[in-house]
Amino acid sequence: MTTNDYKLWFPYAKPRPAGKLRLICFPYAGGGAGIYRTWADHFPSYIEVFAVQLPGRETRTREKPFNRMAPLMEAITPVIHTLVDRPFALFGHSMGAMIVWELACELKRRFDREPIHLFVAGRRAPHVPDTSPPIHELPEPEFMEELIRYNGLPKELAEHTELMEFKKPLLRADFELCETYRPQSDFRLNCPITAFGGLEDPDEKRELLEKWRDVTTRFCKVHMLPGDHFFLQTSEQRLIQLLSEELRRIALWAAPR
């Protein structure tokens, strides 16, 4: 990967050459790497945090966002493969949880590499269907009404009229990616999974998060945190604490492979 490619995909990365493991983070629909911009400051020095910047947002607004999972995997899998020279974990919230699951499967299929731990937040297990009707093809303003009704975007974003006008094409593409995604059936990972949920999230309830147990041969933990679907923001400190505790246990015995 060239220096320019590196900066394109990881604009906020703070490399730690002596780090023992890497945490690679993916955003929710409509979000970008800036969600995790300060995370590196809150993790121990032996953890490198890589927040992935997908096309169509923040520093990459001139690029067309992906609206299908397969092309995204073709683009992102080789990029992430450059980071797996040491133990790595994946984290994703909502849409990001779908991406990290598919990415973990793709890395296993193509390179026989798996994350040392998979962290997913605000999203049911991949084999559990979402019965909500698709909204990405709805006309305006129905699309925005449904987004808000389904709690599909942060409140501060929904209330920012100018920003919402700018974000609509990205949101449509992200929701199209989510609503058209069909995971390969019967695939199981050999790494532990930790799932996080919001206690007030009306859709992604604990019993749906518990289903992540079905897609790993290892253990699965579930943590419910205060907040709705975007507990990632309201309970960020507690979430980072839980991630740090799990990664600390991993780092005690992890060594570069």
C-alpha atoms as a PDB file:
ATOM      1  CA  MET A   1       0.000   0.000   0.000  1.00  0.00           C
ATOM      2  CA  THR A   2       1.362   3.425  -0.932  1.00  0.00           C
ATOM      3  CA  THR A   3       1.534   6.287   1.560  1.00  0.00           C
ATOM      4  CA  ASN A   4      -1.315   8.038  -0.251  1.00  0.00           C
ATOM      5  CA  ASP A   5      -3.488   4.913  -0.135  1.00  0.00           C
ATOM      6  CA  TYR A   6      -2.729   4.546   3.562  1.00  0.00           C
ATOM      7  CA  LYS A   7      -3.801   8.123   4.290  1.00  0.00           C
ATOM      8  CA  LEU A   8      -6.883   7.686   2.131  1.00  0.00           C
ATOM      9  CA  TRP A   9      -8.199   4.670   4.035  1.00  0.00           C
ATOM     10  CA  PHE A  10      -6.836   5.578   7.493  1.00  0.00           C
ATOM     11  CA  PRO A  11      -6.712   9.401   7.734  1.00  0.00           C
ATOM     12  CA  TYR A  12      -6.562   9.498  11.536  1.00  0.00           C
ATOM     13  CA  ALA A  13      -4.226   6.564  12.168  1.00  0.00           C
ATOM     14  CA  LYS A  14      -1.560   6.960  14.850  1.00  0.00           C
ATOM     15  CA  PRO A  15       0.914   4.136  14.197  1.00  0.00           C
ATOM     16  CA  ARG A  16       2.476   2.460  17.209  1.00  0.00           C
ATOM     17  CA  PRO A  17       5.309   0.297  15.857  1.00  0.00           C
ATOM     18  CA  ALA A  18       5.757  -1.445  19.210  1.00  0.00           C
ATOM     19  CA  GLY A  19       2.044  -2.192  19.517  1.00  0.00           C
ATOM     20  CA  LYS A  20       1.036  -5.804  20.205  1.00  0.00           C
ATOM     21  CA  LEU A  21      -2.265  -5.774  18.333  1.00  0.00           C
ATOM     22  CA  ARG A  22      -4.482  -3.675  16.082  1.00  0.00           C
ATOM     23  CA  LEU A  23      -8.112  -2.654  16.433  1.00  0.00           C
ATOM     24  CA  ILE A  24      -9.680  -1.881  13.044  1.00  0.00           C
ATOM     25  CA  CYS A  25     -12.972   0.043  13.227  1.00  0.00           C
ATOM     26  CA  PHE A  26     -15.815   0.549  10.732  1.00  0.00           C
ATOM     27  CA  PRO A  27     -18.620   3.144  10.980  1.00  0.00           C
ATOM     28  CA  TYR A  28     -22.397   3.015  10.970  1.00  0.00           C
ATOM     29  CA  ALA A  29     -24.471   4.144   7.956  1.00  0.00           C
ATOM     30  CA  GLY A  30     -23.776   7.767   7.110  1.00  0.00           C
ATOM     31  CA  GLY A  31     -20.752   7.850   9.411  1.00  0.00           C
ATOM     32  CA  GLY A  32     -17.043   8.074   8.748  1.00  0.00           C
ATOM     33  CA  ALA A  33     -13.694   7.429  10.366  1.00  0.00           C
ATOM     34  CA  GLY A  34     -14.117  10.588  12.440  1.00  0.00           C
ATOM     35  CA  ILE A  35     -16.409   8.629  14.766  1.00  0.00           C
ATOM     36  CA  TYR A  36     -13.290   6.917  16.102  1.00  0.00           C
ATOM     37  CA  ARG A  37     -10.868   9.814  15.670  1.00  0.00           C
ATOM     38  CA  THR A  38     -10.041  10.127  19.385  1.00  0.00           C
ATOM     39  CA  TRP A  39     -10.207   6.447  20.291  1.00  0.00           C
ATOM     40  CA  ALA A  40      -6.449   5.918  20.066  1.00  0.00           C
ATOM     41  CA  ASP A  41      -6.030   8.405  22.931  1.00  0.00           C
ATOM     42  CA  HIS A  42      -8.130   6.224  25.223  1.00  0.00           C
ATOM     43  CA  PHE A  43      -6.501   2.854  24.582  1.00  0.00           C
ATOM     44  CA  PRO A  44      -3.238   1.537  26.070  1.00  0.00           C
ATOM     45  CA  SER A  45      -0.056   2.141  24.073  1.00  0.00           C
ATOM     46  CA  TYR A  46       0.162  -1.499  22.957  1.00  0.00           C
ATOM     47  CA  ILE A  47      -3.048  -1.138  20.895  1.00  0.00           C
ATOM     48  CA  GLU A  48      -3.060   0.520  17.476  1.00  0.00           C
ATOM     49  CA  VAL A  49      -6.429   1.907  16.392  1.00  0.00           C
ATOM     50  CA  PHE A  50      -7.208   2.079  12.675  1.00  0.00           C
ATOM     51  CA  ALA A  51     -10.465   3.847  11.797  1.00  0.00           C
ATOM     52  CA  VAL A  52     -11.432   2.991   8.224  1.00  0.00           C
ATOM     53  CA  GLN A  53     -12.558   5.807   5.943  1.00  0.00           C
ATOM     54  CA  LEU A  54     -14.959   4.418   3.369  1.00  0.00           C
ATOM     55  CA  PRO A  55     -15.589   6.306   0.089  1.00  0.00           C
ATOM     56  CA  GLY A  56     -18.269   8.988   0.019  1.00  0.00           C
ATOM     57  CA  ARG A  57     -17.743  10.559   3.456  1.00  0.00           C
ATOM     58  CA  GLU A  58     -15.611  13.107   5.300  1.00  0.00           C
ATOM     59  CA  THR A  59     -12.193  13.136   3.595  1.00  0.00           C
ATOM     60  CA  ARG A  60     -13.540  11.116   0.639  1.00  0.00           C
ATOM     61  CA  THR A  61     -16.742  12.995  -0.225  1.00  0.00           C
ATOM     62  CA  ARG A  62     -15.848  13.245  -3.926  1.00  0.00           C
ATOM     63  CA  GLU A  63     -15.865   9.462  -4.282  1.00  0.00           C
ATOM     64  CA  LYS A  64     -18.952   7.390  -4.934  1.00  0.00           C
ATOM     65  CA  PRO A  65     -19.997   5.323  -1.904  1.00  0.00           C
ATOM     66  CA  PHE A  66     -20.447   1.583  -2.231  1.00  0.00           C
ATOM     67  CA  ASN A  67     -24.049   0.395  -2.352  1.00  0.00           C
ATOM     68  CA  ARG A  68     -23.328  -3.341  -2.516  1.00  0.00           C
ATOM     69  CA  MET A  69     -21.281  -5.520  -0.182  1.00  0.00           C
ATOM     70  CA  ALA A  70     -19.408  -7.565  -2.815  1.00  0.00           C
ATOM     71  CA  PRO A  71     -17.646  -4.592  -4.509  1.00  0.00           C
ATOM     72  CA  LEU A  72     -16.818  -3.162  -1.093  1.00  0.00           C
ATOM     73  CA  MET A  73     -15.183  -6.446  -0.109  1.00  0.00           C
ATOM     74  CA  GLU A  74     -13.167  -6.475  -3.327  1.00  0.00           C
ATOM     75  CA  ALA A  75     -11.824  -3.035  -2.472  1.00  0.00           C
ATOM     76  CA  ILE A  76     -11.329  -3.297   1.282  1.00  0.00           C
ATOM     77  CA  THR A  77     -10.078  -6.867   1.812  1.00  0.00           C
ATOM     78  CA  PRO A  78      -6.630  -6.287   0.213  1.00  0.00           C
ATOM     79  CA  VAL A  79      -6.314  -3.035   2.179  1.00  0.00           C
ATOM     80  CA  ILE A  80      -7.019  -4.694   5.521  1.00  0.00           C
ATOM     81  CA  HIS A  81      -4.803  -7.622   4.590  1.00  0.00           C
ATOM     82  CA  THR A  82      -1.818  -5.237   4.779  1.00  0.00           C
ATOM     83  CA  LEU A  83      -2.556  -4.804   8.510  1.00  0.00           C
ATOM     84  CA  VAL A  84      -2.723  -8.454   9.521  1.00  0.00           C
ATOM     85  CA  ASP A  85       1.008  -8.963   9.988  1.00  0.00           C
ATOM     86  CA  ARG A  86       0.273  -8.845  13.714  1.00  0.00           C
ATOM     87  CA  PRO A  87      -2.780  -9.905  15.745  1.00  0.00           C
ATOM     88  CA  PHE A  88      -5.814  -7.808  14.897  1.00  0.00           C
ATOM     89  CA  ALA A  89      -9.399  -7.344  16.053  1.00  0.00           C
ATOM     90  CA  LEU A  90     -12.314  -5.888  14.114  1.00  0.00           C
ATOM     91  CA  PHE A  91     -14.994  -3.540  15.450  1.00  0.00           C
ATOM     92  CA  GLY A  92     -18.089  -2.286  13.656  1.00  0.00           C
ATOM     93  CA  HIS A  93     -21.289  -0.547  14.661  1.00  0.00           C
ATOM     94  CA  SER A  94     -24.607  -1.247  12.871  1.00  0.00           C
ATOM     95  CA  MET A  95     -23.685  -1.227   9.157  1.00  0.00           C
ATOM     96  CA  GLY A  96     -20.089  -1.526  10.325  1.00  0.00           C
ATOM     97  CA  ALA A  97     -20.957  -4.760  12.150  1.00  0.00           C
ATOM     98  CA  MET A  98     -22.205  -6.241   8.883  1.00  0.00           C
ATOM     99  CA  ILE A  99     -19.013  -5.124   7.160  1.00  0.00           C
ATOM    100  CA  VAL A 100     -16.631  -6.573   9.761  1.00  0.00           C
ATOM    101  CA  TRP A 101     -18.470  -9.894   9.727  1.00  0.00           C
ATOM    102  CA  GLU A 102     -18.232 -10.175   5.958  1.00  0.00           C
ATOM    103  CA  LEU A 103     -14.631  -8.936   6.024  1.00  0.00           C
ATOM    104  CA  ALA A 104     -13.655 -11.544   8.622  1.00  0.00           C
ATOM    105  CA  CYS A 105     -15.204 -14.256   6.447  1.00  0.00           C
ATOM    106  CA  GLU A 106     -13.466 -12.902   3.352  1.00  0.00           C
ATOM    107  CA  LEU A 107     -10.056 -12.787   5.037  1.00  0.00           C
ATOM    108  CA  LYS A 108     -10.571 -16.384   6.123  1.00  0.00           C
ATOM    109  CA  ARG A 109     -11.610 -17.522   2.646  1.00  0.00           C
ATOM    110  CA  ARG A 110      -8.956 -15.641   0.687  1.00  0.00           C
ATOM    111  CA  PHE A 111      -5.951 -15.535   3.008  1.00  0.00           C
ATOM    112  CA  ASP A 112      -6.704 -18.038   5.782  1.00  0.00           C
ATOM    113  CA  ARG A 113      -6.410 -15.227   8.333  1.00  0.00           C
ATOM    114  CA  GLU A 114      -8.933 -14.451  11.039  1.00  0.00           C
ATOM    115  CA  PRO A 115      -9.240 -11.667  13.594  1.00  0.00           C
ATOM    116  CA  ILE A 116      -8.174 -12.553  17.082  1.00  0.00           C
ATOM    117  CA  HIS A 117     -11.531 -11.156  18.219  1.00  0.00           C
ATOM    118  CA  LEU A 118     -14.640  -9.796  16.480  1.00  0.00           C
ATOM    119  CA  PHE A 119     -16.489  -6.908  18.130  1.00  0.00           C
ATOM    120  CA  VAL A 120     -19.934  -6.023  16.810  1.00  0.00           C
ATOM    121  CA  ALA A 121     -22.331  -3.351  18.038  1.00  0.00           C
ATOM    122  CA  GLY A 122     -25.949  -2.451  17.399  1.00  0.00           C
ATOM    123  CA  ARG A 123     -26.584  -5.240  14.903  1.00  0.00           C
ATOM    124  CA  ARG A 124     -28.192  -8.674  15.076  1.00  0.00           C
ATOM    125  CA  ALA A 125     -26.300 -11.752  13.913  1.00  0.00           C
ATOM    126  CA  PRO A 126     -25.917 -12.004  10.128  1.00  0.00           C
ATOM    127  CA  HIS A 127     -28.162 -15.037   9.707  1.00  0.00           C
ATOM    128  CA  VAL A 128     -31.082 -13.376  11.520  1.00  0.00           C
ATOM    129  CA  PRO A 129     -33.232 -11.628   8.897  1.00  0.00           C
ATOM    130  CA  ASP A 130     -34.285  -8.011   9.275  1.00  0.00           C
ATOM    131  CA  THR A 131     -38.025  -7.981   8.560  1.00  0.00           C
ATOM    132  CA  SER A 132     -38.279  -4.192   8.297  1.00  0.00           C
ATOM    133  CA  PRO A 133     -39.340  -3.096   4.796  1.00  0.00           C
ATOM    134  CA  PRO A 134     -36.497  -1.607   2.701  1.00  0.00           C
ATOM    135  CA  ILE A 135     -36.414   2.181   2.544  1.00  0.00           C
ATOM    136  CA  HIS A 136     -33.486   3.074   0.274  1.00  0.00           C
ATOM    137  CA  GLU A 137     -35.701   3.494  -2.811  1.00  0.00           C
ATOM    138  CA  LEU A 138     -38.377   5.618  -1.134  1.00  0.00           C
ATOM    139  CA  PRO A 139     -38.930   9.123  -2.531  1.00  0.00           C
ATOM    140  CA  GLU A 140     -38.329  12.254  -0.498  1.00  0.00           C
ATOM    141  CA  PRO A 141     -39.472  13.052   2.145  1.00  0.00           C
ATOM    142  CA  GLU A 142     -40.620   9.499   2.945  1.00  0.00           C
ATOM    143  CA  PHE A 143     -37.040   8.298   3.015  1.00  0.00           C
ATOM    144  CA  MET A 144     -36.094  10.790   5.726  1.00  0.00           C
ATOM    145  CA  GLU A 145     -39.267  10.093   7.707  1.00  0.00           C
ATOM    146  CA  GLU A 146     -38.516   6.374   7.723  1.00  0.00           C
ATOM    147  CA  LEU A 147     -34.879   6.952   8.654  1.00  0.00           C
ATOM    148  CA  ILE A 148     -35.935   8.896  11.714  1.00  0.00           C
ATOM    149  CA  ARG A 149     -38.726   6.455  12.577  1.00  0.00           C
ATOM    150  CA  TYR A 150     -36.354   3.479  12.387  1.00  0.00           C
ATOM    151  CA  ASN A 151     -33.817   5.362  14.480  1.00  0.00           C
ATOM    152  CA  GLY A 152     -31.467   5.075  11.523  1.00  0.00           C
ATOM    153  CA  LEU A 153     -29.354   8.148  12.175  1.00  0.00           C
ATOM    154  CA  PRO A 154     -28.133  10.155  15.153  1.00  0.00           C
ATOM    155  CA  LYS A 155     -30.530  12.819  16.445  1.00  0.00           C
ATOM    156  CA  GLU A 156     -28.054  15.673  15.941  1.00  0.00           C
ATOM    157  CA  LEU A 157     -27.651  14.696  12.297  1.00  0.00           C
ATOM    158  CA  ALA A 158     -31.404  14.429  11.687  1.00  0.00           C
ATOM    159  CA  GLU A 159     -31.874  17.940  13.095  1.00  0.00           C
ATOM    160  CA  HIS A 160     -29.117  19.492  10.948  1.00  0.00           C
ATOM    161  CA  THR A 161     -31.008  20.397   7.752  1.00  0.00           C
ATOM    162  CA  GLU A 162     -28.060  21.535   5.613  1.00  0.00           C
ATOM    163  CA  LEU A 163     -25.904  18.581   6.593  1.00  0.00           C
ATOM    164  CA  MET A 164     -28.765  16.191   5.915  1.00  0.00           C
ATOM    165  CA  GLU A 165     -29.154  17.499   2.364  1.00  0.00           C
ATOM    166  CA  PHE A 166     -25.472  16.797   1.819  1.00  0.00           C
ATOM    167  CA  LYS A 167     -25.684  13.359   3.445  1.00  0.00           C
ATOM    168  CA  LYS A 168     -28.762  11.982   1.685  1.00  0.00           C
ATOM    169  CA  PRO A 169     -26.971  10.303  -1.262  1.00  0.00           C
ATOM    170  CA  LEU A 170     -24.528   8.648   1.138  1.00  0.00           C
ATOM    171  CA  LEU A 171     -27.318   7.495   3.430  1.00  0.00           C
ATOM    172  CA  ARG A 172     -29.249   6.011   0.515  1.00  0.00           C
ATOM    173  CA  ALA A 173     -26.168   4.136  -0.656  1.00  0.00           C
ATOM    174  CA  ASP A 174     -25.382   2.858   2.836  1.00  0.00           C
ATOM    175  CA  PHE A 175     -28.939   1.689   3.419  1.00  0.00           C
ATOM    176  CA  GLU A 176     -28.986   0.042   0.014  1.00  0.00           C
ATOM    177  CA  LEU A 177     -25.817  -1.832   0.957  1.00  0.00           C
ATOM    178  CA  CYS A 178     -27.421  -2.987   4.216  1.00  0.00           C
ATOM    179  CA  GLU A 179     -30.802  -3.870   2.746  1.00  0.00           C
ATOM    180  CA  THR A 180     -29.456  -5.850  -0.209  1.00  0.00           C
ATOM    181  CA  TYR A 181     -26.767  -7.734   1.718  1.00  0.00           C
ATOM    182  CA  ARG A 182     -27.205 -11.483   1.940  1.00  0.00           C
ATOM    183  CA  PRO A 183     -24.503 -13.290   3.950  1.00  0.00           C
ATOM    184  CA  GLN A 184     -23.251 -16.683   2.895  1.00  0.00           C
ATOM    185  CA  SER A 185     -25.068 -19.262   4.980  1.00  0.00           C
ATOM    186  CA  ASP A 186     -23.495 -21.691   7.439  1.00  0.00           C
ATOM    187  CA  PHE A 187     -20.160 -19.853   7.663  1.00  0.00           C
ATOM    188  CA  ARG A 188     -18.577 -19.871  11.116  1.00  0.00           C
ATOM    189  CA  LEU A 189     -15.499 -18.124  12.427  1.00  0.00           C
ATOM    190  CA  ASN A 190     -12.974 -19.588  14.830  1.00  0.00           C
ATOM    191  CA  CYS A 191     -12.527 -16.408  16.868  1.00  0.00           C
ATOM    192  CA  PRO A 192     -14.475 -15.161  19.903  1.00  0.00           C
ATOM    193  CA  ILE A 193     -17.208 -12.577  19.345  1.00  0.00           C
ATOM    194  CA  THR A 194     -18.339  -9.804  21.661  1.00  0.00           C
ATOM    195  CA  ALA A 195     -21.634  -8.084  20.828  1.00  0.00           C
ATOM    196  CA  PHE A 196     -22.765  -4.757  22.269  1.00  0.00           C
ATOM    197  CA  GLY A 197     -26.291  -3.383  22.301  1.00  0.00           C
ATOM    198  CA  GLY A 198     -28.247  -0.398  23.565  1.00  0.00           C
ATOM    199  CA  LEU A 199     -30.735  -1.038  26.343  1.00  0.00           C
ATOM    200  CA  GLU A 200     -33.204   1.364  24.709  1.00  0.00           C
ATOM    201  CA  ASP A 201     -32.656   0.203  21.136  1.00  0.00           C
ATOM    202  CA  PRO A 202     -36.159  -0.787  19.943  1.00  0.00           C
ATOM    203  CA  ASP A 203     -34.931  -3.057  17.147  1.00  0.00           C
ATOM    204  CA  GLU A 204     -31.585  -4.670  17.941  1.00  0.00           C
ATOM    205  CA  LYS A 205     -32.557  -6.371  21.185  1.00  0.00           C
ATOM    206  CA  ARG A 206     -30.444  -8.664  23.349  1.00  0.00           C
ATOM    207  CA  GLU A 207     -32.001 -11.881  22.030  1.00  0.00           C
ATOM    208  CA  LEU A 208     -30.968 -10.925  18.505  1.00  0.00           C
ATOM    209  CA  LEU A 209     -27.434 -10.094  19.637  1.00  0.00           C
ATOM    210  CA  GLU A 210     -27.246 -13.453  21.415  1.00  0.00           C
ATOM    211  CA  LYS A 211     -27.568 -15.134  18.005  1.00  0.00           C
ATOM    212  CA  TRP A 212     -23.959 -14.214  17.243  1.00  0.00           C
ATOM    213  CA  ARG A 213     -23.172 -17.364  19.259  1.00  0.00           C
ATOM    214  CA  ASP A 214     -24.322 -19.393  16.260  1.00  0.00           C
ATOM    215  CA  VAL A 215     -21.595 -18.088  13.935  1.00  0.00           C
ATOM    216  CA  THR A 216     -18.476 -18.829  15.978  1.00  0.00           C
ATOM    217  CA  THR A 217     -16.852 -22.005  17.201  1.00  0.00           C
ATOM    218  CA  ARG A 218     -15.550 -20.048  20.201  1.00  0.00           C
ATOM    219  CA  PHE A 219     -17.329 -18.132  22.959  1.00  0.00           C
ATOM    220  CA  CYS A 220     -19.613 -15.136  22.534  1.00  0.00           C
ATOM    221  CA  LYS A 221     -20.295 -12.381  25.071  1.00  0.00           C
ATOM    222  CA  VAL A 222     -23.103  -9.816  25.021  1.00  0.00           C
ATOM    223  CA  HIS A 223     -22.987  -6.450  26.802  1.00  0.00           C
ATOM    224  CA  MET A 224     -26.010  -4.147  26.977  1.00  0.00           C
ATOM    225  CA  LEU A 225     -25.165  -0.485  27.544  1.00  0.00           C
ATOM    226  CA  PRO A 226     -27.301   2.551  28.402  1.00  0.00           C
ATOM    227  CA  GLY A 227     -28.686   4.289  25.336  1.00  0.00           C
ATOM    228  CA  ASP A 228     -30.573   3.645  22.116  1.00  0.00           C
ATOM    229  CA  HIS A 229     -29.162   2.478  18.793  1.00  0.00           C
ATOM    230  CA  PHE A 230     -26.430   5.114  19.035  1.00  0.00           C
ATOM    231  CA  PHE A 231     -25.150   4.085  22.468  1.00  0.00           C
ATOM    232  CA  LEU A 232     -21.781   4.221  20.682  1.00  0.00           C
ATOM    233  CA  GLN A 233     -21.935   7.956  21.405  1.00  0.00           C
ATOM    234  CA  THR A 234     -23.824   8.164  24.677  1.00  0.00           C
ATOM    235  CA  SER A 235     -21.959   5.273  26.347  1.00  0.00           C
ATOM    236  CA  GLU A 236     -18.656   5.699  24.540  1.00  0.00           C
ATOM    237  CA  GLN A 237     -16.549   5.758  27.706  1.00  0.00           C
ATOM    238  CA  ARG A 238     -18.009   2.492  29.002  1.00  0.00           C
ATOM    239  CA  LEU A 239     -17.736   0.875  25.566  1.00  0.00           C
ATOM    240  CA  ILE A 240     -14.053   1.793  25.269  1.00  0.00           C
ATOM    241  CA  GLN A 241     -13.466   0.486  28.791  1.00  0.00           C
ATOM    242  CA  LEU A 242     -14.987  -2.897  27.906  1.00  0.00           C
ATOM    243  CA  LEU A 243     -13.008  -3.071  24.660  1.00  0.00           C
ATOM    244  CA  SER A 244      -9.792  -2.185  26.491  1.00  0.00           C
ATOM    245  CA  GLU A 245     -10.356  -4.889  29.105  1.00  0.00           C
ATOM    246  CA  GLU A 246     -10.896  -7.556  26.456  1.00  0.00           C
ATOM    247  CA  LEU A 247      -7.948  -6.408  24.363  1.00  0.00           C
ATOM    248  CA  ARG A 248      -5.711  -6.300  27.438  1.00  0.00           C
ATOM    249  CA  ARG A 249      -6.461  -9.968  28.099  1.00  0.00           C
ATOM    250  CA  ILE A 250      -5.672 -10.771  24.481  1.00  0.00           C
ATOM    251  CA  ALA A 251      -2.428  -8.778  24.534  1.00  0.00           C
ATOM    252  CA  LEU A 252      -1.136 -10.700  27.529  1.00  0.00           C
ATOM    253  CA  TRP A 253      -0.596 -13.767  25.381  1.00  0.00           C
ATOM    254  CA  ALA A 254      -0.827 -12.485  21.799  1.00  0.00           C
ATOM    255  CA  ALA A 255       2.333 -12.377  19.733  1.00  0.00           C
ATOM    256  CA  PRO A 256       2.895 -11.559  16.037  1.00  0.00           C
ATOM    257  CA  ARG A 257       2.164 -14.521  13.782  1.00  0.00           C
END
